[in-house]
Amino acid sequence: MILAQRLGELISNAPELEIDIAIGNIALDHLGVARALYGHVAKLEGEGRDEDHYAMFRDEREFLNLLLVEQPNGDFAQTVVRQMLFDVYQLQLWEDLSTSKDRVLAGIAGKAMKEAAYHERFSAGWVVRLGDGTEESHTRTQGALDRLWQYTGEMFEGEQAVYQASWERRVKTVITEAGLVVPDDPYQRTGGRQGFHTEHLGHLLTEMQWMQRSHPGLQW
């Protein structure tokens, strides 16, 4: 949900029309998966909630998203680096969940896995193109990687650790092909899964939720 909102901010602001359309479609993919998951959770909870409740009426501390996805878009290099780091992780996650005993969740994950495969090709392709491009594009892409790397360790806390080795192999392959260098700063930020976020999420939620907060019960 949070990444869908971030990418939605780029609609009509991407570097060129084809990229604008691609990013818009990726945002819609993430939004569609979020709606499906929220709808499923609502049925499991059985408390009369709907998808709008989870998206529009939770406070910052109630969101348990990764810190990575709430980071600002920045320039195009930062957008695609953030996307690539997350896409590789999510592709593995959906593949695993597609075999879940929960048939609804397995169905959602199976569809999301196909979409994530496209997302990963798109983002990885652009990271390579920018990293192996001009001196400026290389510098911007390396700078984006250096800034965002500190948010990657959070992906592999707890049960998620099973994905780390394969994630690192794929990400380092992309980084090497792009002529970039894996950051060597060991510092890693965490807290998103416990509801402790960077300053950016509050601003994002204010933008995303203002209409429903201003007019509770608004019907689309």
N, C-alpha and C. Protein backbone atom coordinates (compact mmCIF):
# COMPACT_ATOMS: atom_id res chain seq x y z
N MET A 1 0.82 -1.20 0.00
CA MET A 1 0.00 0.00 0.00
C MET A 1 0.87 1.26 0.00
N ILE A 2 1.89 1.24 0.86
CA ILE A 2 2.75 2.43 0.97
C ILE A 2 3.56 2.64 -0.30
N LEU A 3 4.09 1.56 -0.87
CA LEU A 3 4.85 1.70 -2.11
C LEU A 3 3.95 2.13 -3.26
N ALA A 4 2.72 1.65 -3.28
CA ALA A 4 1.77 2.10 -4.31
C ALA A 4 1.57 3.61 -4.24
N GLN A 5 1.45 4.13 -3.02
CA GLN A 5 1.28 5.57 -2.84
C GLN A 5 2.52 6.33 -3.29
N ARG A 6 3.70 5.81 -2.93
CA ARG A 6 4.94 6.47 -3.34
C ARG A 6 5.03 6.54 -4.87
N LEU A 7 4.81 5.40 -5.52
CA LEU A 7 4.92 5.37 -6.98
C LEU A 7 3.83 6.23 -7.63
N GLY A 8 2.66 6.27 -7.01
CA GLY A 8 1.58 7.10 -7.55
C GLY A 8 1.95 8.58 -7.60
N GLU A 9 2.84 8.99 -6.71
CA GLU A 9 3.29 10.38 -6.72
C GLU A 9 4.03 10.75 -8.00
N LEU A 10 4.52 9.74 -8.71
CA LEU A 10 5.32 9.99 -9.91
C LEU A 10 4.49 10.08 -11.19
N ILE A 11 3.22 9.74 -11.10
CA ILE A 11 2.38 9.78 -12.30
C ILE A 11 2.34 11.21 -12.85
N SER A 12 2.69 11.33 -14.09
CA SER A 12 2.84 12.59 -14.84
C SER A 12 4.15 13.30 -14.51
N ASN A 13 4.99 12.70 -13.64
CA ASN A 13 6.26 13.33 -13.28
C ASN A 13 7.48 12.48 -13.63
N ALA A 14 7.27 11.34 -14.28
CA ALA A 14 8.39 10.47 -14.65
C ALA A 14 9.18 11.11 -15.80
N PRO A 15 10.41 10.63 -16.05
CA PRO A 15 11.28 11.25 -17.05
C PRO A 15 10.72 11.24 -18.48
N GLU A 16 9.95 10.21 -18.82
CA GLU A 16 9.38 10.15 -20.17
C GLU A 16 8.07 9.37 -20.11
N LEU A 17 7.28 9.44 -21.18
CA LEU A 17 5.92 8.90 -21.16
C LEU A 17 5.89 7.40 -20.91
N GLU A 18 6.77 6.64 -21.56
CA GLU A 18 6.74 5.19 -21.39
C GLU A 18 7.06 4.79 -19.94
N ILE A 19 8.01 5.49 -19.34
CA ILE A 19 8.35 5.21 -17.95
C ILE A 19 7.19 5.61 -17.04
N ASP A 20 6.55 6.72 -17.36
CA ASP A 20 5.39 7.18 -16.60
C ASP A 20 4.31 6.11 -16.58
N ILE A 21 4.02 5.55 -17.74
CA ILE A 21 2.99 4.50 -17.85
C ILE A 21 3.41 3.25 -17.08
N ALA A 22 4.68 2.87 -17.21
CA ALA A 22 5.17 1.66 -16.53
C ALA A 22 5.08 1.82 -15.02
N ILE A 23 5.52 2.96 -14.49
CA ILE A 23 5.48 3.18 -13.05
C ILE A 23 4.05 3.25 -12.56
N GLY A 24 3.18 3.88 -13.34
CA GLY A 24 1.76 3.92 -12.97
C GLY A 24 1.16 2.53 -12.88
N ASN A 25 1.52 1.67 -13.83
CA ASN A 25 1.01 0.29 -13.81
C ASN A 25 1.56 -0.50 -12.62
N ILE A 26 2.82 -0.28 -12.30
CA ILE A 26 3.40 -0.96 -11.14
C ILE A 26 2.69 -0.51 -9.86
N ALA A 27 2.43 0.79 -9.76
CA ALA A 27 1.69 1.31 -8.60
C ALA A 27 0.32 0.65 -8.50
N LEU A 28 -0.36 0.51 -9.61
CA LEU A 28 -1.68 -0.13 -9.61
C LEU A 28 -1.59 -1.60 -9.22
N ASP A 29 -0.53 -2.27 -9.65
CA ASP A 29 -0.33 -3.67 -9.25
C ASP A 29 -0.23 -3.78 -7.72
N HIS A 30 0.59 -2.92 -7.13
CA HIS A 30 0.75 -2.95 -5.68
C HIS A 30 -0.55 -2.60 -4.97
N LEU A 31 -1.27 -1.63 -5.51
CA LEU A 31 -2.55 -1.24 -4.92
C LEU A 31 -3.55 -2.39 -4.98
N GLY A 32 -3.59 -3.08 -6.13
CA GLY A 32 -4.51 -4.21 -6.29
C GLY A 32 -4.22 -5.33 -5.31
N VAL A 33 -2.94 -5.62 -5.10
CA VAL A 33 -2.57 -6.67 -4.15
C VAL A 33 -2.92 -6.24 -2.73
N ALA A 34 -2.67 -4.98 -2.40
CA ALA A 34 -3.01 -4.48 -1.06
C ALA A 34 -4.51 -4.60 -0.82
N ARG A 35 -5.32 -4.25 -1.80
CA ARG A 35 -6.77 -4.35 -1.64
C ARG A 35 -7.20 -5.79 -1.43
N ALA A 36 -6.61 -6.70 -2.20
CA ALA A 36 -6.96 -8.12 -2.06
C ALA A 36 -6.60 -8.64 -0.68
N LEU A 37 -5.41 -8.27 -0.20
CA LEU A 37 -4.97 -8.72 1.12
C LEU A 37 -5.82 -8.10 2.23
N TYR A 38 -6.12 -6.81 2.12
CA TYR A 38 -6.95 -6.16 3.13
C TYR A 38 -8.35 -6.79 3.16
N GLY A 39 -8.88 -7.09 1.99
CA GLY A 39 -10.20 -7.72 1.94
C GLY A 39 -10.20 -9.09 2.60
N HIS A 40 -9.13 -9.84 2.38
CA HIS A 40 -9.01 -11.17 2.98
C HIS A 40 -8.87 -11.07 4.49
N VAL A 41 -8.06 -10.14 4.95
CA VAL A 41 -7.88 -9.93 6.39
C VAL A 41 -9.21 -9.54 7.03
N ALA A 42 -9.96 -8.68 6.37
CA ALA A 42 -11.25 -8.26 6.92
C ALA A 42 -12.19 -9.45 7.14
N LYS A 43 -12.20 -10.37 6.18
CA LYS A 43 -13.05 -11.55 6.33
C LYS A 43 -12.56 -12.45 7.44
N LEU A 44 -11.25 -12.60 7.56
CA LEU A 44 -10.69 -13.44 8.62
C LEU A 44 -10.98 -12.85 10.00
N GLU A 45 -10.88 -11.53 10.12
CA GLU A 45 -11.14 -10.90 11.41
C GLU A 45 -12.62 -10.92 11.77
N GLY A 46 -13.47 -10.76 10.76
CA GLY A 46 -14.91 -10.83 10.99
C GLY A 46 -15.46 -9.74 11.88
N GLU A 47 -14.86 -8.56 11.83
CA GLU A 47 -15.30 -7.45 12.68
C GLU A 47 -16.01 -6.35 11.89
N GLY A 48 -16.42 -6.66 10.67
CA GLY A 48 -17.18 -5.70 9.87
C GLY A 48 -16.35 -4.61 9.23
N ARG A 49 -15.05 -4.78 9.20
CA ARG A 49 -14.19 -3.78 8.57
C ARG A 49 -14.09 -4.05 7.07
N ASP A 50 -13.61 -3.05 6.33
CA ASP A 50 -13.37 -3.23 4.90
C ASP A 50 -11.97 -2.74 4.57
N GLU A 51 -11.62 -2.81 3.30
CA GLU A 51 -10.25 -2.46 2.90
C GLU A 51 -9.92 -1.01 3.20
N ASP A 52 -10.91 -0.11 3.13
CA ASP A 52 -10.65 1.29 3.42
C ASP A 52 -10.20 1.50 4.87
N HIS A 53 -10.71 0.68 5.76
CA HIS A 53 -10.30 0.82 7.16
C HIS A 53 -8.78 0.66 7.31
N TYR A 54 -8.25 -0.38 6.69
CA TYR A 54 -6.82 -0.67 6.85
C TYR A 54 -5.95 0.37 6.16
N ALA A 55 -6.42 0.90 5.05
CA ALA A 55 -5.63 1.88 4.31
C ALA A 55 -5.79 3.29 4.85
N MET A 56 -7.02 3.68 5.21
CA MET A 56 -7.33 5.08 5.46
C MET A 56 -7.52 5.46 6.92
N PHE A 57 -7.73 4.50 7.79
CA PHE A 57 -8.05 4.87 9.17
C PHE A 57 -7.07 4.30 10.21
N ARG A 58 -5.98 3.75 9.76
CA ARG A 58 -4.94 3.36 10.72
C ARG A 58 -3.95 4.51 10.90
N ASP A 59 -3.46 4.64 12.10
CA ASP A 59 -2.45 5.66 12.39
C ASP A 59 -1.06 5.13 12.03
N GLU A 60 -0.10 6.03 12.08
CA GLU A 60 1.27 5.69 11.68
C GLU A 60 1.81 4.47 12.42
N ARG A 61 1.59 4.40 13.73
CA ARG A 61 2.12 3.30 14.52
C ARG A 61 1.47 1.96 14.16
N GLU A 62 0.31 1.99 13.51
CA GLU A 62 -0.39 0.76 13.15
C GLU A 62 0.08 0.19 11.81
N PHE A 63 0.83 0.97 11.05
CA PHE A 63 1.39 0.47 9.80
C PHE A 63 2.69 -0.26 10.10
N LEU A 64 2.85 -1.44 9.53
CA LEU A 64 4.01 -2.28 9.82
C LEU A 64 4.85 -2.53 8.57
N ASN A 65 4.85 -1.56 7.67
CA ASN A 65 5.61 -1.70 6.43
C ASN A 65 7.10 -1.52 6.65
N LEU A 66 7.89 -2.02 5.71
CA LEU A 66 9.33 -1.81 5.72
C LEU A 66 9.66 -0.32 5.58
N LEU A 67 10.70 0.11 6.26
CA LEU A 67 11.13 1.50 6.14
C LEU A 67 11.54 1.84 4.72
N LEU A 68 12.03 0.86 3.99
CA LEU A 68 12.50 1.10 2.63
C LEU A 68 11.43 1.71 1.75
N VAL A 69 10.21 1.19 1.81
CA VAL A 69 9.18 1.61 0.85
C VAL A 69 8.61 2.98 1.15
N GLU A 70 8.84 3.50 2.36
CA GLU A 70 8.32 4.83 2.67
C GLU A 70 9.32 5.93 2.32
N GLN A 71 10.52 5.55 1.89
CA GLN A 71 11.53 6.56 1.54
C GLN A 71 11.08 7.36 0.32
N PRO A 72 11.37 8.65 0.28
CA PRO A 72 10.95 9.50 -0.84
C PRO A 72 11.47 8.99 -2.18
N ASN A 73 10.79 9.37 -3.24
CA ASN A 73 11.19 8.94 -4.58
C ASN A 73 12.56 9.50 -4.97
N GLY A 74 12.83 10.73 -4.56
CA GLY A 74 14.10 11.33 -4.97
C GLY A 74 14.17 11.47 -6.48
N ASP A 75 15.37 11.31 -7.05
CA ASP A 75 15.48 11.34 -8.50
C ASP A 75 15.14 9.94 -9.06
N PHE A 76 15.19 9.80 -10.37
CA PHE A 76 14.79 8.53 -10.98
C PHE A 76 15.70 7.39 -10.54
N ALA A 77 16.98 7.69 -10.33
CA ALA A 77 17.91 6.65 -9.88
C ALA A 77 17.47 6.11 -8.53
N GLN A 78 17.10 6.99 -7.61
CA GLN A 78 16.68 6.53 -6.29
C GLN A 78 15.38 5.73 -6.39
N THR A 79 14.48 6.14 -7.24
CA THR A 79 13.22 5.41 -7.41
C THR A 79 13.47 3.98 -7.86
N VAL A 80 14.31 3.79 -8.88
CA VAL A 80 14.49 2.43 -9.41
C VAL A 80 15.39 1.58 -8.52
N VAL A 81 16.33 2.20 -7.81
CA VAL A 81 17.14 1.42 -6.87
C VAL A 81 16.26 0.92 -5.73
N ARG A 82 15.44 1.80 -5.17
CA ARG A 82 14.50 1.38 -4.11
C ARG A 82 13.62 0.26 -4.61
N GLN A 83 13.12 0.41 -5.83
CA GLN A 83 12.22 -0.60 -6.39
C GLN A 83 12.93 -1.93 -6.59
N MET A 84 14.14 -1.90 -7.11
CA MET A 84 14.88 -3.13 -7.35
C MET A 84 15.16 -3.89 -6.05
N LEU A 85 15.60 -3.17 -5.03
CA LEU A 85 15.90 -3.81 -3.75
C LEU A 85 14.67 -4.49 -3.18
N PHE A 86 13.52 -3.84 -3.33
CA PHE A 86 12.27 -4.41 -2.81
C PHE A 86 11.72 -5.50 -3.72
N ASP A 87 11.82 -5.31 -5.03
CA ASP A 87 11.26 -6.29 -5.98
C ASP A 87 11.88 -7.66 -5.82
N VAL A 88 13.19 -7.71 -5.66
CA VAL A 88 13.88 -9.00 -5.53
C VAL A 88 13.38 -9.72 -4.28
N TYR A 89 13.23 -8.98 -3.20
CA TYR A 89 12.69 -9.57 -1.96
C TYR A 89 11.26 -10.05 -2.15
N GLN A 90 10.42 -9.20 -2.74
CA GLN A 90 9.01 -9.53 -2.82
C GLN A 90 8.74 -10.69 -3.78
N LEU A 91 9.54 -10.80 -4.82
CA LEU A 91 9.37 -11.91 -5.75
C LEU A 91 9.54 -13.24 -5.03
N GLN A 92 10.53 -13.31 -4.15
CA GLN A 92 10.74 -14.54 -3.37
C GLN A 92 9.60 -14.78 -2.40
N LEU A 93 9.13 -13.70 -1.77
CA LEU A 93 8.05 -13.81 -0.79
C LEU A 93 6.77 -14.34 -1.43
N TRP A 94 6.39 -13.78 -2.57
CA TRP A 94 5.16 -14.23 -3.23
C TRP A 94 5.28 -15.67 -3.71
N GLU A 95 6.45 -16.04 -4.19
CA GLU A 95 6.65 -17.42 -4.63
C GLU A 95 6.42 -18.38 -3.47
N ASP A 96 6.92 -18.02 -2.31
CA ASP A 96 6.75 -18.86 -1.12
C ASP A 96 5.28 -18.91 -0.71
N LEU A 97 4.62 -17.76 -0.66
CA LEU A 97 3.24 -17.70 -0.21
C LEU A 97 2.26 -18.32 -1.21
N SER A 98 2.68 -18.49 -2.46
CA SER A 98 1.79 -19.09 -3.46
C SER A 98 1.50 -20.55 -3.15
N THR A 99 2.24 -21.16 -2.23
CA THR A 99 2.00 -22.54 -1.82
C THR A 99 1.36 -22.61 -0.43
N SER A 100 0.86 -21.48 0.05
CA SER A 100 0.25 -21.43 1.37
C SER A 100 -0.97 -22.35 1.46
N LYS A 101 -1.23 -22.86 2.66
CA LYS A 101 -2.42 -23.67 2.88
C LYS A 101 -3.70 -22.83 2.85
N ASP A 102 -3.53 -21.54 3.05
CA ASP A 102 -4.65 -20.60 2.91
C ASP A 102 -4.86 -20.38 1.41
N ARG A 103 -5.92 -20.95 0.87
CA ARG A 103 -6.09 -20.94 -0.58
C ARG A 103 -6.29 -19.55 -1.14
N VAL A 104 -6.96 -18.68 -0.38
CA VAL A 104 -7.14 -17.30 -0.85
C VAL A 104 -5.80 -16.59 -0.91
N LEU A 105 -5.02 -16.72 0.15
CA LEU A 105 -3.69 -16.10 0.17
C LEU A 105 -2.81 -16.67 -0.95
N ALA A 106 -2.87 -17.97 -1.15
CA ALA A 106 -2.08 -18.59 -2.22
C ALA A 106 -2.47 -18.03 -3.58
N GLY A 107 -3.76 -17.81 -3.80
CA GLY A 107 -4.22 -17.26 -5.07
C GLY A 107 -3.75 -15.83 -5.27
N ILE A 108 -3.84 -15.02 -4.22
CA ILE A 108 -3.35 -13.64 -4.29
C ILE A 108 -1.86 -13.61 -4.59
N ALA A 109 -1.11 -14.48 -3.88
CA ALA A 109 0.34 -14.52 -4.05
C ALA A 109 0.72 -15.00 -5.45
N GLY A 110 -0.02 -15.97 -5.98
CA GLY A 110 0.28 -16.48 -7.32
C GLY A 110 0.16 -15.40 -8.38
N LYS A 111 -0.90 -14.59 -8.28
CA LYS A 111 -1.06 -13.48 -9.22
C LYS A 111 0.00 -12.42 -9.00
N ALA A 112 0.26 -12.10 -7.72
CA ALA A 112 1.25 -11.07 -7.40
C ALA A 112 2.65 -11.49 -7.85
N MET A 113 2.94 -12.79 -7.80
CA MET A 113 4.26 -13.28 -8.21
C MET A 113 4.52 -12.97 -9.68
N LYS A 114 3.51 -13.14 -10.52
CA LYS A 114 3.67 -12.85 -11.95
C LYS A 114 3.93 -11.36 -12.16
N GLU A 115 3.22 -10.53 -11.41
CA GLU A 115 3.44 -9.09 -11.53
C GLU A 115 4.82 -8.70 -11.02
N ALA A 116 5.23 -9.31 -9.90
CA ALA A 116 6.54 -8.99 -9.31
C ALA A 116 7.68 -9.35 -10.25
N ALA A 117 7.51 -10.40 -11.05
CA ALA A 117 8.55 -10.78 -12.00
C ALA A 117 8.77 -9.67 -13.02
N TYR A 118 7.68 -9.05 -13.47
CA TYR A 118 7.80 -7.90 -14.39
C TYR A 118 8.43 -6.71 -13.67
N HIS A 119 7.99 -6.45 -12.45
CA HIS A 119 8.54 -5.32 -11.69
C HIS A 119 10.06 -5.45 -11.55
N GLU A 120 10.50 -6.66 -11.24
CA GLU A 120 11.93 -6.89 -11.03
C GLU A 120 12.73 -6.71 -12.33
N ARG A 121 12.18 -7.18 -13.44
CA ARG A 121 12.87 -6.97 -14.73
C ARG A 121 12.98 -5.49 -15.05
N PHE A 122 11.92 -4.76 -14.79
CA PHE A 122 11.90 -3.32 -15.07
C PHE A 122 12.93 -2.58 -14.22
N SER A 123 12.87 -2.80 -12.90
CA SER A 123 13.75 -2.05 -12.01
C SER A 123 15.21 -2.46 -12.16
N ALA A 124 15.47 -3.76 -12.25
CA ALA A 124 16.85 -4.22 -12.42
C ALA A 124 17.43 -3.73 -13.73
N GLY A 125 16.62 -3.74 -14.79
CA GLY A 125 17.08 -3.26 -16.09
C GLY A 125 17.48 -1.80 -16.05
N TRP A 126 16.70 -0.99 -15.34
CA TRP A 126 17.03 0.43 -15.25
C TRP A 126 18.23 0.69 -14.35
N VAL A 127 18.38 -0.08 -13.29
CA VAL A 127 19.57 0.08 -12.44
C VAL A 127 20.83 -0.20 -13.26
N VAL A 128 20.80 -1.25 -14.07
CA VAL A 128 21.95 -1.58 -14.90
C VAL A 128 22.18 -0.48 -15.93
N ARG A 129 21.12 -0.02 -16.55
CA ARG A 129 21.26 1.01 -17.59
C ARG A 129 21.84 2.30 -17.01
N LEU A 130 21.37 2.70 -15.84
CA LEU A 130 21.86 3.94 -15.24
C LEU A 130 23.26 3.77 -14.66
N GLY A 131 23.49 2.64 -13.99
CA GLY A 131 24.80 2.42 -13.40
C GLY A 131 25.89 2.31 -14.45
N ASP A 132 25.56 1.73 -15.59
CA ASP A 132 26.53 1.52 -16.66
C ASP A 132 26.40 2.58 -17.74
N GLY A 133 25.78 3.72 -17.39
CA GLY A 133 25.53 4.77 -18.37
C GLY A 133 26.57 5.87 -18.33
N THR A 134 26.08 7.09 -18.22
CA THR A 134 26.99 8.24 -18.18
C THR A 134 27.62 8.37 -16.80
N GLU A 135 28.60 9.24 -16.71
CA GLU A 135 29.24 9.47 -15.41
C GLU A 135 28.23 9.99 -14.39
N GLU A 136 27.34 10.87 -14.84
CA GLU A 136 26.34 11.42 -13.91
C GLU A 136 25.34 10.36 -13.48
N SER A 137 24.84 9.56 -14.43
CA SER A 137 23.86 8.55 -14.06
C SER A 137 24.48 7.51 -13.14
N HIS A 138 25.75 7.17 -13.38
CA HIS A 138 26.45 6.23 -12.50
C HIS A 138 26.57 6.80 -11.08
N THR A 139 26.98 8.06 -10.99
CA THR A 139 27.15 8.70 -9.68
C THR A 139 25.83 8.77 -8.92
N ARG A 140 24.76 9.13 -9.62
CA ARG A 140 23.45 9.23 -8.97
C ARG A 140 22.96 7.85 -8.50
N THR A 141 23.20 6.83 -9.31
CA THR A 141 22.73 5.49 -8.96
C THR A 141 23.52 4.94 -7.79
N GLN A 142 24.83 5.14 -7.79
CA GLN A 142 25.64 4.70 -6.64
C GLN A 142 25.23 5.45 -5.37
N GLY A 143 24.96 6.73 -5.52
CA GLY A 143 24.52 7.52 -4.37
C GLY A 143 23.19 7.02 -3.81
N ALA A 144 22.27 6.66 -4.70
CA ALA A 144 20.98 6.12 -4.26
C ALA A 144 21.16 4.80 -3.54
N LEU A 145 22.03 3.94 -4.07
CA LEU A 145 22.31 2.66 -3.44
C LEU A 145 22.93 2.86 -2.05
N ASP A 146 23.84 3.80 -1.95
CA ASP A 146 24.48 4.09 -0.66
C ASP A 146 23.45 4.57 0.36
N ARG A 147 22.50 5.41 -0.09
CA ARG A 147 21.50 5.95 0.85
C ARG A 147 20.50 4.89 1.29
N LEU A 148 20.12 4.00 0.39
CA LEU A 148 19.02 3.07 0.67
C LEU A 148 19.47 1.74 1.26
N TRP A 149 20.74 1.44 1.18
CA TRP A 149 21.23 0.13 1.64
C TRP A 149 20.92 -0.10 3.12
N GLN A 150 20.93 0.97 3.91
CA GLN A 150 20.72 0.86 5.35
C GLN A 150 19.31 0.36 5.71
N TYR A 151 18.41 0.34 4.73
CA TYR A 151 17.04 -0.11 4.98
C TYR A 151 16.80 -1.55 4.52
N THR A 152 17.83 -2.22 4.04
CA THR A 152 17.61 -3.55 3.47
C THR A 152 17.65 -4.67 4.50
N GLY A 153 18.41 -4.51 5.57
CA GLY A 153 18.52 -5.56 6.57
C GLY A 153 17.20 -5.88 7.24
N GLU A 154 16.33 -4.88 7.34
CA GLU A 154 15.03 -5.07 7.98
C GLU A 154 14.18 -6.12 7.28
N MET A 155 14.41 -6.32 6.01
CA MET A 155 13.63 -7.32 5.26
C MET A 155 13.78 -8.71 5.84
N PHE A 156 14.90 -8.98 6.49
CA PHE A 156 15.25 -10.35 6.83
C PHE A 156 15.24 -10.62 8.33
N GLU A 157 14.45 -9.85 9.04
CA GLU A 157 14.30 -10.09 10.47
C GLU A 157 13.38 -11.28 10.70
N GLY A 158 13.66 -12.04 11.73
CA GLY A 158 12.78 -13.15 12.10
C GLY A 158 12.69 -14.22 11.02
N GLU A 159 11.48 -14.63 10.71
CA GLU A 159 11.25 -15.70 9.75
C GLU A 159 11.68 -15.32 8.35
N GLN A 160 11.80 -14.03 8.08
CA GLN A 160 12.17 -13.58 6.74
C GLN A 160 13.64 -13.87 6.41
N ALA A 161 14.43 -14.27 7.41
CA ALA A 161 15.86 -14.51 7.19
C ALA A 161 16.11 -15.57 6.12
N VAL A 162 15.14 -16.45 5.89
CA VAL A 162 15.31 -17.52 4.91
C VAL A 162 15.54 -16.96 3.50
N TYR A 163 15.10 -15.73 3.26
CA TYR A 163 15.22 -15.16 1.92
C TYR A 163 16.53 -14.42 1.68
N GLN A 164 17.31 -14.20 2.72
CA GLN A 164 18.43 -13.27 2.61
C GLN A 164 19.51 -13.73 1.64
N ALA A 165 19.91 -14.99 1.68
CA ALA A 165 21.01 -15.45 0.84
C ALA A 165 20.68 -15.32 -0.64
N SER A 166 19.49 -15.75 -1.03
CA SER A 166 19.12 -15.67 -2.45
C SER A 166 18.91 -14.22 -2.87
N TRP A 167 18.39 -13.39 -1.95
CA TRP A 167 18.23 -11.95 -2.25
C TRP A 167 19.59 -11.33 -2.51
N GLU A 168 20.54 -11.61 -1.65
CA GLU A 168 21.88 -11.03 -1.81
C GLU A 168 22.53 -11.46 -3.12
N ARG A 169 22.36 -12.72 -3.49
CA ARG A 169 22.95 -13.19 -4.76
C ARG A 169 22.39 -12.42 -5.94
N ARG A 170 21.07 -12.28 -6.00
CA ARG A 170 20.44 -11.61 -7.13
C ARG A 170 20.78 -10.12 -7.14
N VAL A 171 20.68 -9.47 -5.99
CA VAL A 171 20.96 -8.03 -5.93
C VAL A 171 22.41 -7.74 -6.28
N LYS A 172 23.33 -8.55 -5.78
CA LYS A 172 24.74 -8.32 -6.08
C LYS A 172 25.06 -8.58 -7.56
N THR A 173 24.31 -9.48 -8.18
CA THR A 173 24.47 -9.70 -9.62
C THR A 173 24.09 -8.44 -10.39
N VAL A 174 22.96 -7.83 -10.02
CA VAL A 174 22.52 -6.60 -10.67
C VAL A 174 23.52 -5.48 -10.42
N ILE A 175 23.97 -5.35 -9.18
CA ILE A 175 24.91 -4.29 -8.83
C ILE A 175 26.22 -4.44 -9.61
N THR A 176 26.71 -5.65 -9.73
CA THR A 176 27.95 -5.89 -10.47
C THR A 176 27.77 -5.58 -11.95
N GLU A 177 26.65 -6.03 -12.51
CA GLU A 177 26.39 -5.76 -13.93
C GLU A 177 26.28 -4.26 -14.19
N ALA A 178 25.80 -3.52 -13.21
CA ALA A 178 25.65 -2.08 -13.36
C ALA A 178 26.95 -1.33 -13.13
N GLY A 179 28.01 -2.05 -12.73
CA GLY A 179 29.28 -1.39 -12.45
C GLY A 179 29.27 -0.61 -11.15
N LEU A 180 28.38 -0.99 -10.24
CA LEU A 180 28.26 -0.32 -8.95
C LEU A 180 29.00 -1.11 -7.87
N VAL A 181 29.05 -0.56 -6.69
CA VAL A 181 29.74 -1.18 -5.57
C VAL A 181 28.76 -1.37 -4.42
N VAL A 182 28.75 -2.56 -3.83
CA VAL A 182 27.91 -2.80 -2.66
C VAL A 182 28.39 -1.94 -1.51
N PRO A 183 27.52 -1.14 -0.89
CA PRO A 183 27.95 -0.30 0.23
C PRO A 183 28.55 -1.14 1.37
N ASP A 184 29.60 -0.60 2.01
CA ASP A 184 30.26 -1.35 3.08
C ASP A 184 29.92 -0.83 4.47
N ASP A 185 29.00 0.13 4.56
CA ASP A 185 28.57 0.65 5.86
C ASP A 185 27.68 -0.41 6.53
N PRO A 186 28.06 -0.93 7.69
CA PRO A 186 27.30 -2.00 8.33
C PRO A 186 26.02 -1.53 9.01
N TYR A 187 25.83 -0.22 9.15
CA TYR A 187 24.67 0.30 9.89
C TYR A 187 23.37 -0.05 9.17
N GLN A 188 22.40 -0.55 9.93
CA GLN A 188 21.10 -0.88 9.37
C GLN A 188 20.01 -0.30 10.26
N ARG A 189 19.05 0.39 9.63
CA ARG A 189 17.91 0.93 10.37
C ARG A 189 16.79 -0.11 10.41
N THR A 190 16.03 -0.09 11.47
CA THR A 190 14.95 -1.05 11.64
C THR A 190 13.82 -0.40 12.44
N GLY A 191 12.72 -1.12 12.58
CA GLY A 191 11.61 -0.62 13.38
C GLY A 191 10.28 -0.59 12.66
N GLY A 192 10.32 -0.61 11.33
CA GLY A 192 9.07 -0.51 10.57
C GLY A 192 8.08 -1.60 10.90
N ARG A 193 8.56 -2.82 11.06
CA ARG A 193 7.67 -3.95 11.35
C ARG A 193 7.07 -3.85 12.76
N GLN A 194 7.64 -2.99 13.59
CA GLN A 194 7.09 -2.76 14.93
C GLN A 194 6.33 -1.44 15.02
N GLY A 195 6.16 -0.77 13.88
CA GLY A 195 5.41 0.47 13.86
C GLY A 195 6.22 1.72 14.16
N PHE A 196 7.54 1.60 14.15
CA PHE A 196 8.41 2.76 14.37
C PHE A 196 9.01 3.18 13.02
N HIS A 197 8.61 4.34 12.54
CA HIS A 197 8.91 4.72 11.16
C HIS A 197 9.82 5.94 11.08
N THR A 198 10.27 6.21 9.86
CA THR A 198 10.99 7.45 9.60
C THR A 198 9.98 8.59 9.52
N GLU A 199 10.50 9.80 9.48
CA GLU A 199 9.61 10.97 9.43
C GLU A 199 8.78 11.02 8.16
N HIS A 200 9.17 10.24 7.15
CA HIS A 200 8.51 10.34 5.85
C HIS A 200 7.11 9.71 5.84
N LEU A 201 6.87 8.70 6.67
CA LEU A 201 5.58 8.02 6.60
C LEU A 201 4.44 8.92 7.04
N GLY A 202 4.65 9.72 8.08
CA GLY A 202 3.59 10.61 8.54
C GLY A 202 3.11 11.55 7.45
N HIS A 203 4.06 12.11 6.69
CA HIS A 203 3.70 13.01 5.59
C HIS A 203 2.95 12.25 4.50
N LEU A 204 3.41 11.05 4.21
CA LEU A 204 2.75 10.24 3.18
C LEU A 204 1.32 9.92 3.57
N LEU A 205 1.10 9.53 4.83
CA LEU A 205 -0.26 9.17 5.27
C LEU A 205 -1.18 10.39 5.28
N THR A 206 -0.64 11.54 5.62
CA THR A 206 -1.44 12.77 5.59
C THR A 206 -1.98 13.02 4.19
N GLU A 207 -1.13 12.84 3.21
CA GLU A 207 -1.53 13.02 1.81
C GLU A 207 -2.53 11.94 1.38
N MET A 208 -2.29 10.71 1.79
CA MET A 208 -3.10 9.58 1.33
C MET A 208 -4.48 9.54 1.99
N GLN A 209 -4.55 9.94 3.25
CA GLN A 209 -5.76 9.71 4.04
C GLN A 209 -6.65 10.93 4.23
N TRP A 210 -6.24 12.08 3.71
CA TRP A 210 -6.94 13.31 4.10
C TRP A 210 -8.41 13.30 3.71
N MET A 211 -8.77 12.74 2.56
CA MET A 211 -10.16 12.80 2.13
C MET A 211 -11.06 11.96 3.02
N GLN A 212 -10.64 10.71 3.27
CA GLN A 212 -11.46 9.85 4.13
C GLN A 212 -11.48 10.36 5.56
N ARG A 213 -10.39 10.94 6.02
CA ARG A 213 -10.36 11.48 7.38
C ARG A 213 -11.26 12.71 7.48
N SER A 214 -11.32 13.48 6.41
CA SER A 214 -12.14 14.69 6.42
C SER A 214 -13.62 14.38 6.25
N HIS A 215 -13.93 13.31 5.52
CA HIS A 215 -15.31 12.93 5.23
C HIS A 215 -15.50 11.44 5.52
N PRO A 216 -15.55 11.06 6.79
CA PRO A 216 -15.68 9.63 7.14
C PRO A 216 -16.93 9.02 6.50
N GLY A 217 -16.76 7.80 5.99
CA GLY A 217 -17.88 7.11 5.36
C GLY A 217 -18.13 7.51 3.92
N LEU A 218 -17.23 8.31 3.37
CA LEU A 218 -17.39 8.74 1.98
C LEU A 218 -17.47 7.54 1.06
N GLN A 219 -18.43 7.54 0.16
CA GLN A 219 -18.59 6.43 -0.79
C GLN A 219 -18.05 6.84 -2.15
N TRP A 220 -17.30 5.90 -2.79
CA TRP A 220 -16.70 6.20 -4.09
C TRP A 220 -17.74 6.05 -5.19
